[in-house]
Structures are given as C-alpha cells and as structure tokens.
Amino acid sequence: MNTDRARSADVLPASTVVLLSDRPDGRVEVFLMRRHARSGFMAGATVFPGGKVDQVDHGSAAGGRTAADCAQQLGLADGESARSFFIAAVRELHEEAHVLLARDADGRIPAADRVDAIDARLEDLRDGHRLPDGAWHDILASEGLVPALDLIWPFAHWVTPRIEPRRFDTFFFVACHPLGQRASADLHESTGALWMSPRAALLDHERGGPIVLPPPTLHTLERLQISRGDAAAVAAALADGGVGPRIEPYFLADSADGPVIALPGDPLHPHAGAGNSNGPASLDRFVLAQGRFCRQVGERNGQAAS
C-alpha cells in the first residue's frame, strides 16, 4: 500500500464515523445527526458524527491497533498521526452520539449504564459546549478504559473544497453499534439525531424534505444503499474496499447547470480522471438545486442522468 498519501498543510485533520445498526425487520440503518443552524461548518446539514483531531489524541492510550497498523490502514507514513485519526473517531463518536467503542482490562465493552455515568462526568466538565483539553482521555483512563481501535474501519478520505473558509482533511470510518448501548444526539453540536435506512435518507433529501445532505454524506449513503447483509457484513465490505483515493471536490459557481461540486474524474474537475472508477468520460458531480446539492451522473455527451 502507498504510505505517501498527500496531506494538505492548510486543512485540519478530522475523523467521521458512519455508525451502522441492524433493525428487527432485517434492514441496516445508519445514525444521522442534524447540525445546529448556527454551526460554523455545514450549518443545518444532516451528517455523521465526527470532528477535528485534537492535539491530545496524539500519543494517547488506545488498544486494538498499533501505530503501524493504523498507518497501513490509512496509507500514511506517520504512524502516530494515523493513530490519532482512529482515536479521534472513537472520541468524537462518544462525545457526539454517546456511543463508546472502548474496552476495559478484561476486554469488555462498557454497557449502557456505565456509558451514561461517564457521559454525566463529562457533562459536569463542559463550559458551554466545550470540554477541557484532555478531559475525555482523563476520564476514560480513570475508568480503566481505552479506545478500541479495532472496532472501527476506514473506508474513505475526503478533503474540503478549496473555496470553503474552514477546510478539513477527513478520514471516514465505519463501525457497528455495540449491543446494549444507546445512540443519541449530544444537543451541543446538533439539534437531533435519528436512525434511518440509507435509501430513506437519500429519498428525503431528493424530495426536498428536512434531511439536507452535504456531498460526502450523500456519496457515503449511496455506497451503503447498494450494500447487502447485516451491519457487520456491510461494514466489512466497505473496509475491504480500502480507503481509496483521496477525494478533494472542486466547486464551480458558474457551470452550464449552475453551481456544481465535481468529484475527481468528472470533466469539470481540474484533475479529471483521478480516482473515478466510472472512467474519464463520466459525469460525477453534485448540482445545486433548490438549496441543496443533488447527484448527477452519466455520460459526458449530455445524456446525464440524475
């Protein structure tokens, strides 16, 4: 695997977690959160839990994967930096969705009541919506828990378009909802959360419903929509595909179709042909329509299908 994956110096490292769960009717659902309208990034959008990598995530205690394992999984040369993406993913999932992928010295994942008690300790330390640096790591250590990095698997790498004032270099991870724990919105970073099938979320977005999906979330739900099996099988299938090429979308305000976000390989992208499995002649973009970006794929000859 290539361990020289490019990183941009002007963007912040971040991690996002796609949390999957099995439903009684046999469907797989995904956990989605609606960001506050006052958020400085993706305000009002429906997204997966996640956030930036903190400095304290570097070198902190964790189990399940070594730094070398993490570097190999992410295609990065620096093992500690790679490991910090994994640790941040576990931390952000807990802070934003109250799901804790950690183990004690006996290898046990904490039950819901223990997670609730840890959440209460963290809540007592908040200043507004912010936690003191290192608070999460300190509380886990006092509880005899370490992040279980082998319970998450990377499957995508996105970089925010250059036009955005805040940019993130984000690895997307997939995880299965641990039995017995309760996922819910923290109501600090978000206004609510729900479990939903990928197809239902996509349809709501396409029909102009309350779910508004930014392109990376929409793209991920499309991948989940065509997956088959239970949550564990879907997670394994995504992980088996590997992280894939680094995706840095390109924003064009005045295309023939109006504002467009083009993915690598689309003819409008400056690096057309890179990272597109559909071939260099394929459209692979999101077109702004009625306040939200909608998927557009097809052939370059104008026979595009939405």
Foldseek 3Di string as FASTA:
>chain_A
DAACADDDPQAFAKEFEWEWEADPVGAIWTKWFAFDLPDPPNHRAIHTFMDTQDPVLQPADADADFLVRQSVQASHPGSRVSSSRLSRHQVRQCLFWLAHQKAAPVRDDDAAVVSVVLNVVQVVQDDQSDHPPCPSSVSCVVVRIHHNSNQKAWQAWEWEAPVDPHIYTYTYIYGYRDPRHGTWGNCRRGPTMDIDQLVVLLVCCVVVHSHAHDVVRNVVSVLRNPDDDGRVRSNVVSRVNGHFHYWYWYWDQDDPLGIKTFTAQAPVDPNRPPRDPVGNQKGFIWGDDPHGTDTWIDGNPPPIDD
